[in-house]
């Protein structure tokens, strides 16, 4: 998602907990507390780029060898010619026709998977808009796109309405970069990186046009698409002082239209990065601020035809979620819909299994807060409403042991213990070497939860 991330060859987060302003108003603190109750989100990267076996947007930037290589059919078929490749990429909207797009089916799967909020790419860095914008012809509802005549063509509206109807919060992904508009990549100067093609200090009038353009797009999304809970801003290279998007003005406008809006100006820090978003990894310890780890489900952010890389198993998803929650964060799982408009089949099964697990054990996940010492080996700790939870989650692929040796978190004398989904556990004889024998019925599971108290 960030150019620096990919150029380095690893997946890191360039913001820090310390960079987030601690001076938040009471209403925002309350909203962020509610956000941290949800725990499980789904991020959907989808646009015409799903038709090719490349990553989203980044192949348009010169010099990023990882984004255009001989293993990509779409690159080889165009003779490895950058100009031809970029020209054809720009015309992917002319063949994008996801006739099987069924937002109600997406929302049903998300609900059954235990998802509490959904992040949808309204516009990635390449500038293609998945809503009916008046700011550009490079959009899903323009006549150049065959899907434009479909009654479901305004994809952002259709998807947001469907997820909201299933009780999920809406997180609106929007790239501050835009590599299609001439206000950003002006044709008078060559493209060299993900930044504007011109010196914004020397051409302030051109940059002002871009700022107005970005504000107009955000205004549309905040005005015409129902209740928006989070404005999730990507493209962290657009930041002051050189690339000043007037975030105070943008935030004030967005929050006037959407009272209570949380803003994630990711990787930038300061007053408008209400949550931080580690990408592709979990932090080593609790961060002390609201955070979510955005994690692709093992197959990249978008659908790539012919990609046979195995996706995450349900056991992997559960363990990632448990670790994130024990460290005080949320887990935002990523998958990419296909060119015909369906969710990737490889992602659906593990998501639904995650939902089955949460139906039994969600009390130890939703609405909880971390409990020191947070993690001890295979034991992860959370707390809620006077109860403490011990989540036993061995490394993926490892079976539960027949017995569990309790460590820092254990019942006090006379305090009851329950194995969620199975019933009470006799803890009356526990001492310093506290060991819990698991019943035979639970030993085939990959993760189990002990509740203390309540």
Protein backbone atom coordinates (compact mmCIF):
# COMPACT_ATOMS: atom_id res chain seq x y z
CA UNK A 1 0.00 0.00 0.00
CA UNK A 2 2.90 2.37 0.71
CA UNK A 3 5.68 2.78 -1.84
CA UNK A 4 8.38 2.80 0.83
CA UNK A 5 7.01 -0.46 2.19
CA UNK A 6 7.42 -2.28 -1.11
CA UNK A 7 10.73 -0.70 -2.12
CA UNK A 8 12.28 -1.93 1.12
CA UNK A 9 11.14 -5.44 0.29
CA UNK A 10 9.41 -6.04 3.60
CA UNK A 11 6.09 -5.11 5.14
CA UNK A 12 6.41 -2.55 7.88
CA UNK A 13 4.51 0.38 9.29
CA UNK A 14 6.09 3.82 9.18
CA UNK A 15 3.90 5.45 11.81
CA UNK A 16 4.30 5.02 15.52
CA UNK A 17 2.10 5.11 18.56
CA UNK A 18 4.01 8.12 19.79
CA UNK A 19 3.13 10.06 16.63
CA UNK A 20 -0.60 10.04 17.43
CA UNK A 21 -1.97 13.11 19.11
CA UNK A 22 -3.04 12.32 22.67
CA UNK A 23 -5.23 15.41 22.80
CA UNK A 24 -8.45 13.88 21.48
CA UNK A 25 -11.89 15.32 22.28
CA UNK A 26 -14.19 13.24 24.45
CA UNK A 27 -16.55 12.38 21.57
CA UNK A 28 -13.64 10.95 19.56
CA UNK A 29 -12.29 8.98 22.51
CA UNK A 30 -15.74 7.43 22.87
CA UNK A 31 -15.93 6.64 19.15
CA UNK A 32 -12.48 5.07 19.19
CA UNK A 33 -13.45 2.97 22.20
CA UNK A 34 -16.38 1.64 20.18
CA UNK A 35 -14.09 0.98 17.22
CA UNK A 36 -11.80 -1.09 19.43
CA UNK A 37 -14.79 -3.17 20.58
CA UNK A 38 -15.38 -4.49 17.05
CA UNK A 39 -12.09 -6.42 16.70
CA UNK A 40 -12.68 -8.03 13.29
CA UNK A 41 -12.83 -6.17 9.98
CA UNK A 42 -12.67 -7.03 6.28
CA UNK A 43 -10.85 -4.94 3.66
CA UNK A 44 -11.77 -5.44 0.00
CA UNK A 45 -9.39 -4.25 -2.72
CA UNK A 46 -11.38 -4.19 -5.94
CA UNK A 47 -11.18 -2.24 -9.20
CA UNK A 48 -10.43 -3.03 -12.88
CA UNK A 49 -6.90 -4.10 -11.89
CA UNK A 50 -8.37 -7.39 -10.63
CA UNK A 51 -8.36 -8.58 -14.26
CA UNK A 52 -4.55 -8.79 -14.39
CA UNK A 53 -2.01 -10.87 -12.51
CA UNK A 54 -0.19 -7.85 -11.10
CA UNK A 55 -0.54 -5.86 -7.91
CA UNK A 56 -2.85 -2.89 -7.70
CA UNK A 57 -1.71 0.48 -9.15
CA UNK A 58 2.01 0.18 -8.39
CA UNK A 59 3.11 -1.10 -11.83
CA UNK A 60 2.34 2.40 -13.13
CA UNK A 61 5.34 3.76 -11.18
CA UNK A 62 8.66 3.47 -13.05
CA UNK A 63 11.58 1.68 -11.46
CA UNK A 64 9.67 -0.66 -9.16
CA UNK A 65 11.03 -3.92 -10.54
CA UNK A 66 8.98 -6.04 -8.15
CA UNK A 67 5.76 -4.62 -9.68
CA UNK A 68 6.59 -5.62 -13.29
CA UNK A 69 8.55 -8.85 -13.65
CA UNK A 70 8.85 -11.87 -15.92
CA UNK A 71 6.58 -13.96 -13.71
CA UNK A 72 3.59 -11.77 -14.61
CA UNK A 73 1.68 -12.83 -17.70
CA UNK A 74 0.26 -9.33 -18.22
CA UNK A 75 3.82 -7.94 -18.42
CA UNK A 76 5.27 -10.63 -20.68
CA UNK A 77 2.29 -10.54 -23.06
CA UNK A 78 2.99 -6.85 -23.69
CA UNK A 79 6.57 -7.48 -24.67
CA UNK A 80 7.86 -6.08 -21.37
CA UNK A 81 7.24 -2.65 -22.86
CA UNK A 82 6.50 -0.17 -20.03
CA UNK A 83 4.68 2.32 -22.25
CA UNK A 84 2.43 -0.34 -23.76
CA UNK A 85 1.87 -1.95 -20.36
CA UNK A 86 0.81 1.32 -18.69
CA UNK A 87 -1.39 2.26 -21.63
CA UNK A 88 -3.22 -1.05 -21.51
CA UNK A 89 -3.50 -0.87 -17.71
CA UNK A 90 -5.22 2.50 -18.07
CA UNK A 91 -7.79 0.91 -20.39
CA UNK A 92 -8.74 -1.95 -18.04
CA UNK A 93 -11.92 -0.01 -17.26
CA UNK A 94 -13.06 -0.74 -20.84
CA UNK A 95 -13.25 -4.50 -20.10
CA UNK A 96 -14.36 -4.41 -16.46
CA UNK A 97 -17.83 -5.97 -16.31
CA UNK A 98 -18.47 -7.72 -12.96
CA UNK A 99 -21.95 -8.98 -13.82
CA UNK A 100 -22.03 -11.42 -10.87
CA UNK A 101 -21.56 -8.60 -8.33
CA UNK A 102 -24.04 -9.31 -5.53
CA UNK A 103 -23.39 -7.04 -2.55
CA UNK A 104 -26.05 -8.77 -0.43
CA UNK A 105 -24.18 -12.07 -0.86
CA UNK A 106 -20.92 -10.37 0.15
CA UNK A 107 -22.55 -8.90 3.24
CA UNK A 108 -24.13 -12.22 4.19
CA UNK A 109 -20.74 -13.96 4.08
CA UNK A 110 -19.14 -11.17 6.10
CA UNK A 111 -21.84 -11.34 8.78
CA UNK A 112 -21.55 -15.12 9.04
CA UNK A 113 -17.77 -14.72 9.34
CA UNK A 114 -18.10 -12.52 12.43
CA UNK A 115 -16.98 -9.37 10.60
CA UNK A 116 -18.03 -6.16 12.37
CA UNK A 117 -16.80 -3.53 9.92
CA UNK A 118 -15.82 -3.40 6.25
CA UNK A 119 -13.26 -1.27 4.41
CA UNK A 120 -13.83 -0.89 0.66
CA UNK A 121 -11.48 0.73 -1.85
CA UNK A 122 -13.46 3.60 -3.31
CA UNK A 123 -10.35 4.72 -5.21
CA UNK A 124 -6.82 3.30 -5.24
CA UNK A 125 -3.73 5.22 -6.32
CA UNK A 126 -4.41 4.63 -10.04
CA UNK A 127 -7.36 7.04 -9.73
CA UNK A 128 -10.20 4.80 -10.92
CA UNK A 129 -13.36 5.66 -8.96
CA UNK A 130 -15.78 2.92 -7.91
CA UNK A 131 -18.60 5.41 -7.33
CA UNK A 132 -20.64 7.77 -9.45
CA UNK A 133 -18.37 10.79 -9.13
CA UNK A 134 -18.83 14.06 -10.99
CA UNK A 135 -15.08 14.83 -10.75
CA UNK A 136 -13.74 12.52 -13.49
CA UNK A 137 -14.77 10.27 -16.38
CA UNK A 138 -12.41 7.61 -15.02
CA UNK A 139 -15.17 5.93 -13.03
CA UNK A 140 -17.32 2.82 -12.88
CA UNK A 141 -20.48 4.65 -14.06
CA UNK A 142 -18.94 6.22 -17.18
CA UNK A 143 -19.98 4.86 -20.57
CA UNK A 144 -16.41 3.70 -21.27
CA UNK A 145 -16.94 0.94 -18.68
CA UNK A 146 -19.29 -1.86 -19.82
CA UNK A 147 -20.65 -2.24 -16.29
CA UNK A 148 -21.92 1.35 -16.34
CA UNK A 149 -25.30 0.26 -17.73
CA UNK A 150 -25.85 -2.25 -14.93
CA UNK A 151 -28.35 -1.15 -12.24
CA UNK A 152 -25.70 -2.04 -9.63
CA UNK A 153 -23.02 0.10 -11.32
CA UNK A 154 -22.57 2.50 -8.40
CA UNK A 155 -20.55 -0.13 -6.57
CA UNK A 156 -19.65 1.94 -3.51
CA UNK A 157 -23.29 2.77 -2.81
CA UNK A 158 -24.44 -0.80 -3.41
CA UNK A 159 -21.74 -2.30 -1.19
CA UNK A 160 -22.01 0.24 1.64
CA UNK A 161 -25.79 -0.15 1.76
CA UNK A 162 -25.56 -3.95 1.82
CA UNK A 163 -22.96 -4.14 4.61
CA UNK A 164 -24.76 -1.49 6.64
CA UNK A 165 -28.01 -3.46 6.33
CA UNK A 166 -26.25 -6.40 7.99
CA UNK A 167 -25.23 -4.22 10.93
CA UNK A 168 -21.61 -3.62 9.94
CA UNK A 169 -19.77 -0.33 10.31
CA UNK A 170 -18.44 1.30 7.13
CA UNK A 171 -14.78 2.20 6.60
CA UNK A 172 -14.24 4.21 3.42
CA UNK A 173 -10.82 3.60 1.82
CA UNK A 174 -9.67 6.60 -0.25
CA UNK A 175 -6.25 7.16 -1.77
CA UNK A 176 -4.96 10.71 -1.39
CA UNK A 177 -2.65 10.03 -4.35
CA UNK A 178 -4.23 10.01 -7.78
CA UNK A 179 -2.06 8.93 -10.72
CA UNK A 180 -4.75 9.60 -13.31
CA UNK A 181 -5.58 13.26 -12.83
CA UNK A 182 -3.26 15.79 -14.51
CA UNK A 183 -3.40 17.81 -11.31
CA UNK A 184 -1.08 15.17 -9.79
CA UNK A 185 0.77 13.45 -12.66
CA UNK A 186 0.81 16.37 -15.10
CA UNK A 187 1.72 15.27 -18.65
CA UNK A 188 4.22 18.14 -19.11
CA UNK A 189 6.66 16.37 -16.80
CA UNK A 190 7.77 12.71 -16.67
CA UNK A 191 6.57 10.28 -14.03
CA UNK A 192 9.50 9.23 -11.84
CA UNK A 193 7.88 8.06 -8.62
CA UNK A 194 4.58 8.07 -6.73
CA UNK A 195 4.77 11.80 -6.01
CA UNK A 196 3.49 14.59 -8.29
CA UNK A 197 5.41 15.07 -11.52
CA UNK A 198 6.03 18.74 -10.69
CA UNK A 199 7.45 20.83 -7.87
CA UNK A 200 4.38 21.93 -5.94
CA UNK A 201 6.25 24.96 -4.54
CA UNK A 202 6.91 26.18 -8.09
CA UNK A 203 3.40 25.39 -9.33
CA UNK A 204 1.11 26.17 -6.36
CA UNK A 205 -1.87 26.83 -8.64
CA UNK A 206 -1.66 23.28 -10.03
CA UNK A 207 -1.37 21.79 -6.54
CA UNK A 208 -4.34 23.91 -5.42
CA UNK A 209 -6.37 22.31 -8.21
CA UNK A 210 -5.40 18.89 -6.92
CA UNK A 211 -6.34 19.77 -3.34
CA UNK A 212 -9.74 21.01 -4.54
CA UNK A 213 -10.17 17.84 -6.62
CA UNK A 214 -9.42 15.54 -3.65
CA UNK A 215 -11.71 17.52 -1.34
CA UNK A 216 -14.53 17.35 -3.88
CA UNK A 217 -14.23 13.57 -4.09
CA UNK A 218 -14.23 13.15 -0.31
CA UNK A 219 -17.22 15.52 -0.08
CA UNK A 220 -19.18 13.29 -2.47
CA UNK A 221 -18.37 10.15 -0.48
CA UNK A 222 -19.28 11.80 2.81
CA UNK A 223 -22.53 13.25 1.40
CA UNK A 224 -24.24 10.65 -0.75
CA UNK A 225 -23.36 7.20 0.61
CA UNK A 226 -25.07 6.91 3.98
CA UNK A 227 -23.49 6.71 7.40
CA UNK A 228 -19.68 6.47 7.18
CA UNK A 229 -17.85 5.48 10.35
CA UNK A 230 -14.20 5.66 9.27
CA UNK A 231 -12.41 7.62 6.54
CA UNK A 232 -9.39 5.42 5.77
CA UNK A 233 -6.86 7.56 3.90
CA UNK A 234 -4.03 5.79 2.08
CA UNK A 235 -1.18 7.33 0.09
CA UNK A 236 0.96 8.52 2.97
CA UNK A 237 3.42 10.23 0.61
CA UNK A 238 0.81 13.02 0.38
CA UNK A 239 1.66 14.84 3.59
CA UNK A 240 2.87 18.25 4.73
CA UNK A 241 4.96 20.23 4.34
CA UNK A 242 5.63 19.57 0.62
CA UNK A 243 2.33 17.89 -0.26
CA UNK A 244 -0.14 19.68 1.98
CA UNK A 245 -3.68 18.44 1.30
CA UNK A 246 -5.17 20.82 3.90
CA UNK A 247 -6.10 18.02 6.24
CA UNK A 248 -7.64 20.39 8.83
CA UNK A 249 -10.03 21.66 6.16
CA UNK A 250 -10.72 18.18 4.75
CA UNK A 251 -11.35 16.72 8.22
CA UNK A 252 -13.66 19.59 9.24
CA UNK A 253 -15.68 19.21 6.04
CA UNK A 254 -15.89 15.42 6.36
CA UNK A 255 -16.92 15.58 10.03
CA UNK A 256 -19.55 18.22 9.36
CA UNK A 257 -21.10 15.83 6.86
CA UNK A 258 -20.42 12.72 8.98
CA UNK A 259 -20.55 13.59 12.70
CA UNK A 260 -18.48 11.21 14.80
CA UNK A 261 -16.20 10.27 11.89
CA UNK A 262 -12.95 8.49 12.74
CA UNK A 263 -10.06 9.36 10.39
CA UNK A 264 -7.08 7.15 9.65
CA UNK A 265 -4.55 9.35 7.82
CA UNK A 266 -2.30 6.35 7.77
CA UNK A 267 1.47 6.54 8.25
CA UNK A 268 1.33 10.33 8.61
CA UNK A 269 0.92 10.79 12.37
CA UNK A 270 -0.43 13.92 14.00
CA UNK A 271 -3.98 15.05 14.58
CA UNK A 272 -5.67 13.03 11.83
CA UNK A 273 -4.26 9.56 12.36
CA UNK A 274 -6.86 8.49 14.91
CA UNK A 275 -5.88 4.83 14.49
CA UNK A 276 -2.64 3.37 13.25
CA UNK A 277 -2.57 0.55 10.76
CA UNK A 278 0.40 -1.85 10.87
CA UNK A 279 0.48 -3.55 7.47
CA UNK A 280 1.11 -7.26 6.99
CA UNK A 281 2.28 -7.92 10.54
CA UNK A 282 1.25 -7.71 14.18
CA UNK A 283 3.18 -5.51 16.62
CA UNK A 284 5.41 -7.19 19.17
CA UNK A 285 3.49 -5.74 22.12
CA UNK A 286 0.46 -3.60 22.97
CA UNK A 287 0.73 -0.10 21.49
CA UNK A 288 -1.37 1.83 23.97
CA UNK A 289 -3.37 3.55 21.20
CA UNK A 290 -6.19 2.38 18.90
CA UNK A 291 -4.80 0.22 16.12
CA UNK A 292 -5.74 -2.36 13.51
CA UNK A 293 -3.40 -4.65 11.62
CA UNK A 294 -4.37 -4.79 7.94
CA UNK A 295 -3.45 -8.29 6.83
CA UNK A 296 -3.94 -9.82 3.36
CA UNK A 297 -5.16 -13.40 3.63
CA UNK A 298 -2.00 -14.85 2.12
CA UNK A 299 -2.83 -14.09 -1.54
CA UNK A 300 -2.01 -10.38 -1.82
CA UNK A 301 -4.37 -7.44 -1.46
CA UNK A 302 -6.21 -8.02 -4.74
CA UNK A 303 -7.38 -10.98 -6.77
CA UNK A 304 -4.68 -12.07 -9.23
CA UNK A 305 -5.77 -14.56 -11.90
CA UNK A 306 -3.58 -17.64 -11.87
CA UNK A 307 -2.13 -16.94 -8.43
CA UNK A 308 -1.76 -20.37 -6.81
CA UNK A 309 -0.22 -19.08 -3.59
CA UNK A 310 -2.08 -20.78 -0.72
CA UNK A 311 -4.31 -18.54 1.34
CA UNK A 312 -4.52 -18.49 5.12
CA UNK A 313 -6.29 -21.38 6.80
CA UNK A 314 -9.03 -20.80 9.34
CA UNK A 315 -6.61 -21.84 12.07
CA UNK A 316 -4.17 -19.15 10.92
CA UNK A 317 -6.91 -16.50 10.88
CA UNK A 318 -8.07 -17.43 14.37
CA UNK A 319 -4.57 -17.31 15.82
CA UNK A 320 -3.82 -13.96 14.16
CA UNK A 321 -7.05 -12.55 15.58
CA UNK A 322 -6.34 -13.90 19.06
CA UNK A 323 -2.86 -12.39 19.09
CA UNK A 324 -4.07 -9.02 17.78
CA UNK A 325 -6.83 -8.81 20.39
CA UNK A 326 -4.54 -9.88 23.24
CA UNK A 327 -2.25 -6.99 22.26
CA UNK A 328 -5.15 -4.54 22.26
CA UNK A 329 -5.76 -4.27 18.52
CA UNK A 330 -8.16 -5.16 15.74
CA UNK A 331 -7.52 -7.46 12.77
CA UNK A 332 -8.50 -6.17 9.31
CA UNK A 333 -8.40 -9.16 6.97
CA UNK A 334 -7.91 -8.51 3.26
CA UNK A 335 -9.16 -10.29 0.18
CA UNK A 336 -9.93 -9.18 -3.37
CA UNK A 337 -13.13 -9.88 -5.31
CA UNK A 338 -12.77 -11.46 -8.74
CA UNK A 339 -13.35 -9.80 -12.15
CA UNK A 340 -16.89 -11.21 -12.31
CA UNK A 341 -17.77 -9.67 -8.94
CA UNK A 342 -17.69 -12.66 -6.59
CA UNK A 343 -15.54 -13.07 -3.51
CA UNK A 344 -12.54 -15.35 -3.91
CA UNK A 345 -13.73 -18.91 -3.17
CA UNK A 346 -10.43 -19.64 -1.41
CA UNK A 347 -11.18 -16.89 1.10
CA UNK A 348 -14.80 -17.74 1.83
CA UNK A 349 -14.33 -21.11 3.54
CA UNK A 350 -11.73 -19.97 6.13
CA UNK A 351 -13.72 -16.81 6.83
CA UNK A 352 -16.86 -18.84 7.53
CA UNK A 353 -14.86 -21.18 9.78
CA UNK A 354 -13.61 -18.13 11.64
CA UNK A 355 -17.24 -17.12 12.10
CA UNK A 356 -18.13 -20.56 13.47
CA UNK A 357 -15.32 -20.26 16.01
CA UNK A 358 -16.44 -16.77 17.01
CA UNK A 359 -20.01 -17.99 17.51
CA UNK A 360 -18.68 -20.11 20.37
CA UNK A 361 -15.74 -18.06 21.62
CA UNK A 362 -16.54 -14.48 20.61
CA UNK A 363 -17.12 -13.43 24.20
CA UNK A 364 -13.34 -13.60 24.68
CA UNK A 365 -12.80 -11.39 21.59
CA UNK A 366 -15.49 -8.74 21.02
CA UNK A 367 -15.50 -5.80 23.42
CA UNK A 368 -12.48 -7.06 25.35
CA UNK A 369 -9.33 -5.27 26.45
CA UNK A 370 -5.82 -6.66 26.90
CA UNK A 371 -4.84 -8.26 30.18
CA UNK A 372 -1.20 -8.20 31.33
CA UNK A 373 1.07 -10.01 30.66
CA UNK A 374 -0.92 -10.32 27.39
CA UNK A 375 0.91 -13.31 25.90
CA UNK A 376 2.80 -16.19 27.49
CA UNK A 377 3.80 -18.85 24.99
CA UNK A 378 0.57 -20.35 23.64
CA UNK A 379 -1.58 -18.50 26.19
CA UNK A 380 -3.23 -15.17 25.28
CA UNK A 381 -5.16 -13.05 27.78
CA UNK A 382 -8.15 -10.69 27.49
CA UNK A 383 -10.65 -9.21 29.95
CA UNK A 384 -14.22 -7.90 29.94
CA UNK A 385 -16.93 -7.11 32.51
CA UNK A 386 -14.97 -8.53 35.45
CA UNK A 387 -14.16 -11.73 33.57
CA UNK A 388 -10.73 -12.90 32.45
CA UNK A 389 -10.12 -15.10 29.44
CA UNK A 390 -7.26 -17.47 28.75
CA UNK A 391 -7.14 -18.24 25.03
CA UNK A 392 -5.06 -21.32 24.30
CA UNK A 393 -3.73 -20.95 20.74
CA UNK A 394 -0.80 -23.16 19.74
CA UNK A 395 1.21 -22.28 16.66
CA UNK A 396 -0.71 -22.93 13.45
CA UNK A 397 -0.64 -26.61 12.59
CA UNK A 398 -0.05 -27.72 16.17
CA UNK A 399 -2.72 -29.59 18.10
CA UNK A 400 -3.97 -28.64 21.55
CA UNK A 401 -2.12 -30.45 24.31
CA UNK A 402 -4.15 -32.82 26.53
CA UNK A 403 -3.54 -30.49 29.46
CA UNK A 404 -2.73 -26.82 30.01
CA UNK A 405 -0.39 -25.45 32.65
CA UNK A 406 -1.76 -22.09 33.79
CA UNK A 407 0.74 -19.35 34.31
CA UNK A 408 0.21 -15.70 35.34
CA UNK A 409 -3.58 -15.72 34.93
CA UNK A 410 -5.47 -18.28 37.02
CA UNK A 411 -8.56 -18.50 39.22
CA UNK A 412 -8.61 -17.09 42.72
CA UNK A 413 -9.86 -19.42 45.48
CA UNK A 414 -13.57 -20.01 44.99
CA UNK A 415 -13.58 -18.47 41.53
CA UNK A 416 -15.25 -20.53 38.81
CA UNK A 417 -13.81 -21.47 35.44
CA UNK A 418 -15.62 -22.40 32.22
CA UNK A 419 -14.33 -23.85 28.97
CA UNK A 420 -16.36 -21.92 26.38
CA UNK A 421 -18.57 -24.23 24.36
CA UNK A 422 -18.00 -27.16 26.72
CA UNK A 423 -18.96 -26.21 30.26
CA UNK A 424 -17.47 -25.82 33.77
CA UNK A 425 -13.91 -26.84 34.59
CA UNK A 426 -12.98 -28.08 38.07
CA UNK A 427 -10.44 -25.60 39.38
CA UNK A 428 -10.84 -26.39 43.08
CA UNK A 429 -7.57 -28.29 43.32
CA UNK A 430 -5.36 -25.81 41.48
CA UNK A 431 -2.17 -24.72 43.21
CA UNK A 432 1.10 -23.15 42.16
CA UNK A 433 1.58 -25.78 39.48
CA UNK A 434 -1.95 -25.31 38.14
CA UNK A 435 -2.75 -27.79 35.37
CA UNK A 436 -6.08 -28.07 33.55
CA UNK A 437 -6.90 -31.35 31.82
CA UNK A 438 -8.84 -30.71 28.63
CA UNK A 439 -11.86 -32.92 27.96
CA UNK A 440 -11.54 -35.32 25.05
CA UNK A 441 -14.16 -33.40 23.05
CA UNK A 442 -12.00 -30.27 22.77
CA UNK A 443 -8.70 -31.85 21.79
CA UNK A 444 -9.51 -31.89 18.09
CA UNK A 445 -9.87 -28.08 18.09
CA UNK A 446 -7.06 -25.71 17.22
CA UNK A 447 -7.87 -22.99 19.80
CA UNK A 448 -9.90 -23.08 23.03
CA UNK A 449 -10.92 -20.51 25.61
CA UNK A 450 -11.09 -20.66 29.39
CA UNK A 451 -13.23 -18.05 31.13
CA UNK A 452 -12.49 -17.13 34.75
CA UNK A 453 -15.24 -15.45 36.76
CA UNK A 454 -18.73 -14.48 35.77
